[in-house]
C-alpha atoms as a PDB file:
ATOM      1  CA  UNK A   1      12.958  -2.329 -10.318  1.00  0.00           C
ATOM      2  CA  UNK A   2      14.776  -0.132 -12.695  1.00  0.00           C
ATOM      3  CA  UNK A   3      11.799   1.143 -14.636  1.00  0.00           C
ATOM      4  CA  UNK A   4      10.373   2.572 -11.187  1.00  0.00           C
ATOM      5  CA  UNK A   5      14.046   4.271 -10.983  1.00  0.00           C
ATOM      6  CA  UNK A   6      14.087   5.800 -14.080  1.00  0.00           C
ATOM      7  CA  UNK A   7      10.793   6.718 -13.974  1.00  0.00           C
ATOM      8  CA  UNK A   8      11.236   8.290 -10.654  1.00  0.00           C
ATOM      9  CA  UNK A   9      14.422  10.579 -11.809  1.00  0.00           C
ATOM     10  CA  UNK A  10      12.748  11.650 -15.060  1.00  0.00           C
ATOM     11  CA  UNK A  11       9.216  12.682 -13.329  1.00  0.00           C
ATOM     12  CA  UNK A  12       8.347  16.257 -14.479  1.00  0.00           C
ATOM     13  CA  UNK A  13      10.966  16.667 -16.884  1.00  0.00           C
ATOM     14  CA  UNK A  14      10.695  16.743 -20.339  1.00  0.00           C
ATOM     15  CA  UNK A  15      12.022  13.626 -21.092  1.00  0.00           C
ATOM     16  CA  UNK A  16       9.598  11.790 -18.658  1.00  0.00           C
ATOM     17  CA  UNK A  17      10.318   8.169 -18.585  1.00  0.00           C
ATOM     18  CA  UNK A  18       7.248   5.849 -19.574  1.00  0.00           C
ATOM     19  CA  UNK A  19       5.443   4.244 -16.376  1.00  0.00           C
ATOM     20  CA  UNK A  20       6.576   0.411 -16.234  1.00  0.00           C
ATOM     21  CA  UNK A  21       4.313  -1.962 -16.813  1.00  0.00           C
ATOM     22  CA  UNK A  22       4.504  -5.307 -14.959  1.00  0.00           C
ATOM     23  CA  UNK A  23       5.037  -7.758 -17.817  1.00  0.00           C
ATOM     24  CA  UNK A  24       2.797  -9.951 -16.506  1.00  0.00           C
ATOM     25  CA  UNK A  25      -0.014  -7.833 -16.689  1.00  0.00           C
ATOM     26  CA  UNK A  26       0.427  -7.727 -20.720  1.00  0.00           C
ATOM     27  CA  UNK A  27       0.821 -11.641 -21.029  1.00  0.00           C
ATOM     28  CA  UNK A  28       4.588 -11.692 -20.491  1.00  0.00           C
ATOM     29  CA  UNK A  29       5.826 -14.795 -18.620  1.00  0.00           C
ATOM     30  CA  UNK A  30       9.831 -14.060 -18.449  1.00  0.00           C
ATOM     31  CA  UNK A  31       9.647 -11.854 -15.323  1.00  0.00           C
ATOM     32  CA  UNK A  32       8.234 -14.835 -13.078  1.00  0.00           C
ATOM     33  CA  UNK A  33      11.097 -17.349 -15.102  1.00  0.00           C
ATOM     34  CA  UNK A  34      13.698 -14.801 -14.538  1.00  0.00           C
ATOM     35  CA  UNK A  35      12.923 -14.830 -11.168  1.00  0.00           C
ATOM     36  CA  UNK A  36      12.959 -18.401 -10.755  1.00  0.00           C
ATOM     37  CA  UNK A  37      16.212 -19.162 -12.808  1.00  0.00           C
ATOM     38  CA  UNK A  38      18.034 -16.290 -10.398  1.00  0.00           C
ATOM     39  CA  UNK A  39      17.101 -18.342  -7.486  1.00  0.00           C
ATOM     40  CA  UNK A  40      18.320 -21.500  -9.049  1.00  0.00           C
ATOM     41  CA  UNK A  41      21.753 -19.284 -10.145  1.00  0.00           C
ATOM     42  CA  UNK A  42      22.180 -17.816  -6.346  1.00  0.00           C
ATOM     43  CA  UNK A  43      21.806 -21.557  -4.999  1.00  0.00           C
ATOM     44  CA  UNK A  44      24.466 -22.679  -7.473  1.00  0.00           C
ATOM     45  CA  UNK A  45      26.910 -20.289  -6.445  1.00  0.00           C
ATOM     46  CA  UNK A  46      27.473 -21.971  -3.239  1.00  0.00           C
ATOM     47  CA  UNK A  47      29.338 -24.692  -5.635  1.00  0.00           C
ATOM     48  CA  UNK A  48      30.188 -23.049  -8.881  1.00  0.00           C
ATOM     49  CA  UNK A  49      31.682 -19.412  -8.639  1.00  0.00           C
ATOM     50  CA  UNK A  50      30.291 -17.257 -11.348  1.00  0.00           C
ATOM     51  CA  UNK A  51      34.172 -16.206 -12.135  1.00  0.00           C
ATOM     52  CA  UNK A  52      37.388 -18.235 -11.939  1.00  0.00           C
ATOM     53  CA  UNK A  53      40.465 -15.800 -12.665  1.00  0.00           C
ATOM     54  CA  UNK A  54      43.091 -17.393 -14.352  1.00  0.00           C
ATOM     55  CA  UNK A  55      45.190 -16.018 -11.636  1.00  0.00           C
ATOM     56  CA  UNK A  56      45.011 -18.406  -8.491  1.00  0.00           C
ATOM     57  CA  UNK A  57      45.780 -15.841  -6.121  1.00  0.00           C
ATOM     58  CA  UNK A  58      42.824 -13.707  -6.993  1.00  0.00           C
ATOM     59  CA  UNK A  59      39.715 -15.323  -5.391  1.00  0.00           C
ATOM     60  CA  UNK A  60      36.723 -16.490  -7.832  1.00  0.00           C
ATOM     61  CA  UNK A  61      33.314 -14.247  -7.879  1.00  0.00           C
ATOM     62  CA  UNK A  62      30.731 -15.980  -6.055  1.00  0.00           C
ATOM     63  CA  UNK A  63      28.408 -12.798  -5.893  1.00  0.00           C
ATOM     64  CA  UNK A  64      24.703 -13.366  -6.603  1.00  0.00           C
ATOM     65  CA  UNK A  65      24.289  -9.979  -8.210  1.00  0.00           C
ATOM     66  CA  UNK A  66      21.770  -8.929 -10.679  1.00  0.00           C
ATOM     67  CA  UNK A  67      24.489  -8.076 -12.956  1.00  0.00           C
ATOM     68  CA  UNK A  68      26.493 -11.176 -12.689  1.00  0.00           C
ATOM     69  CA  UNK A  69      23.162 -12.913 -13.348  1.00  0.00           C
ATOM     70  CA  UNK A  70      22.034 -11.026 -16.731  1.00  0.00           C
ATOM     71  CA  UNK A  71      25.285 -12.026 -18.071  1.00  0.00           C
ATOM     72  CA  UNK A  72      24.619 -15.593 -18.120  1.00  0.00           C
ATOM     73  CA  UNK A  73      23.652 -17.780 -21.032  1.00  0.00           C
ATOM     74  CA  UNK A  74      20.621 -18.709 -18.662  1.00  0.00           C
ATOM     75  CA  UNK A  75      19.102 -15.095 -18.677  1.00  0.00           C
ATOM     76  CA  UNK A  76      20.143 -14.820 -22.177  1.00  0.00           C
ATOM     77  CA  UNK A  77      18.033 -17.590 -23.458  1.00  0.00           C
ATOM     78  CA  UNK A  78      14.931 -16.061 -21.340  1.00  0.00           C
ATOM     79  CA  UNK A  79      15.304 -12.751 -22.724  1.00  0.00           C
ATOM     80  CA  UNK A  80      15.698 -14.183 -26.441  1.00  0.00           C
ATOM     81  CA  UNK A  81      12.445 -16.038 -25.944  1.00  0.00           C
ATOM     82  CA  UNK A  82      10.850 -12.519 -24.780  1.00  0.00           C
ATOM     83  CA  UNK A  83      11.153 -11.354 -28.343  1.00  0.00           C
ATOM     84  CA  UNK A  84       7.956 -12.874 -29.763  1.00  0.00           C
ATOM     85  CA  UNK A  85       5.475  -9.846 -31.193  1.00  0.00           C
ATOM     86  CA  UNK A  86       2.837  -9.106 -28.908  1.00  0.00           C
ATOM     87  CA  UNK A  87      -0.498 -10.553 -28.513  1.00  0.00           C
ATOM     88  CA  UNK A  88      -3.398  -9.159 -30.179  1.00  0.00           C
ATOM     89  CA  UNK A  89      -5.534  -8.754 -26.796  1.00  0.00           C
ATOM     90  CA  UNK A  90      -2.619  -6.621 -25.510  1.00  0.00           C
ATOM     91  CA  UNK A  91      -2.931  -3.601 -27.125  1.00  0.00           C
ATOM     92  CA  UNK A  92      -3.560  -1.659 -24.004  1.00  0.00           C
ATOM     93  CA  UNK A  93      -1.966  -2.254 -20.575  1.00  0.00           C
ATOM     94  CA  UNK A  94      -3.946  -1.862 -17.367  1.00  0.00           C
ATOM     95  CA  UNK A  95      -4.407   1.396 -15.386  1.00  0.00           C
ATOM     96  CA  UNK A  96      -1.615   1.690 -13.433  1.00  0.00           C
ATOM     97  CA  UNK A  97      -1.392   3.054  -9.476  1.00  0.00           C
ATOM     98  CA  UNK A  98      -0.152   6.609  -9.667  1.00  0.00           C
ATOM     99  CA  UNK A  99      -0.810   7.309 -13.153  1.00  0.00           C
ATOM    100  CA  UNK A 100      -3.944   8.910 -12.536  1.00  0.00           C
ATOM    101  CA  UNK A 101      -5.923   6.310 -13.813  1.00  0.00           C
ATOM    102  CA  UNK A 102      -4.392   6.542 -17.064  1.00  0.00           C
ATOM    103  CA  UNK A 103      -3.625   3.083 -19.209  1.00  0.00           C
ATOM    104  CA  UNK A 104      -0.321   3.761 -20.621  1.00  0.00           C
ATOM    105  CA  UNK A 105      -0.444   2.554 -24.871  1.00  0.00           C
ATOM    106  CA  UNK A 106       1.668   0.270 -25.820  1.00  0.00           C
ATOM    107  CA  UNK A 107       3.187   0.366 -29.553  1.00  0.00           C
ATOM    108  CA  UNK A 108       3.083  -2.691 -31.728  1.00  0.00           C
ATOM    109  CA  UNK A 109       5.900  -3.963 -33.470  1.00  0.00           C
ATOM    110  CA  UNK A 110       5.853  -2.960 -37.143  1.00  0.00           C
ATOM    111  CA  UNK A 111       6.221  -6.297 -38.760  1.00  0.00           C
ATOM    112  CA  UNK A 112       7.164  -7.116 -42.829  1.00  0.00           C
ATOM    113  CA  UNK A 113       4.769  -8.690 -44.958  1.00  0.00           C
END
């Protein structure tokens, strides 16, 4: 979603953002896993608020916002597992709707030998 927002805001400008590519199209499973983990996070908030203030007069934060979720160890660990080098068969992404049939190039990570 954020990739789409940035793309829309910069379309037609000198610094146009690249077209967002869903990770699952190129073999990245973290999006599906993050989605499932967010559902677990939102359910757990009913019993365990995300933030417990040290001042008992203040209300605990049980917001199930994406920002709160991304601050959790669960999200960090899932992102950490997504740092593997790209697969050899994912050198080019499939054409995206609204991208005039073009397929955005994926950069390969330079690896030290």
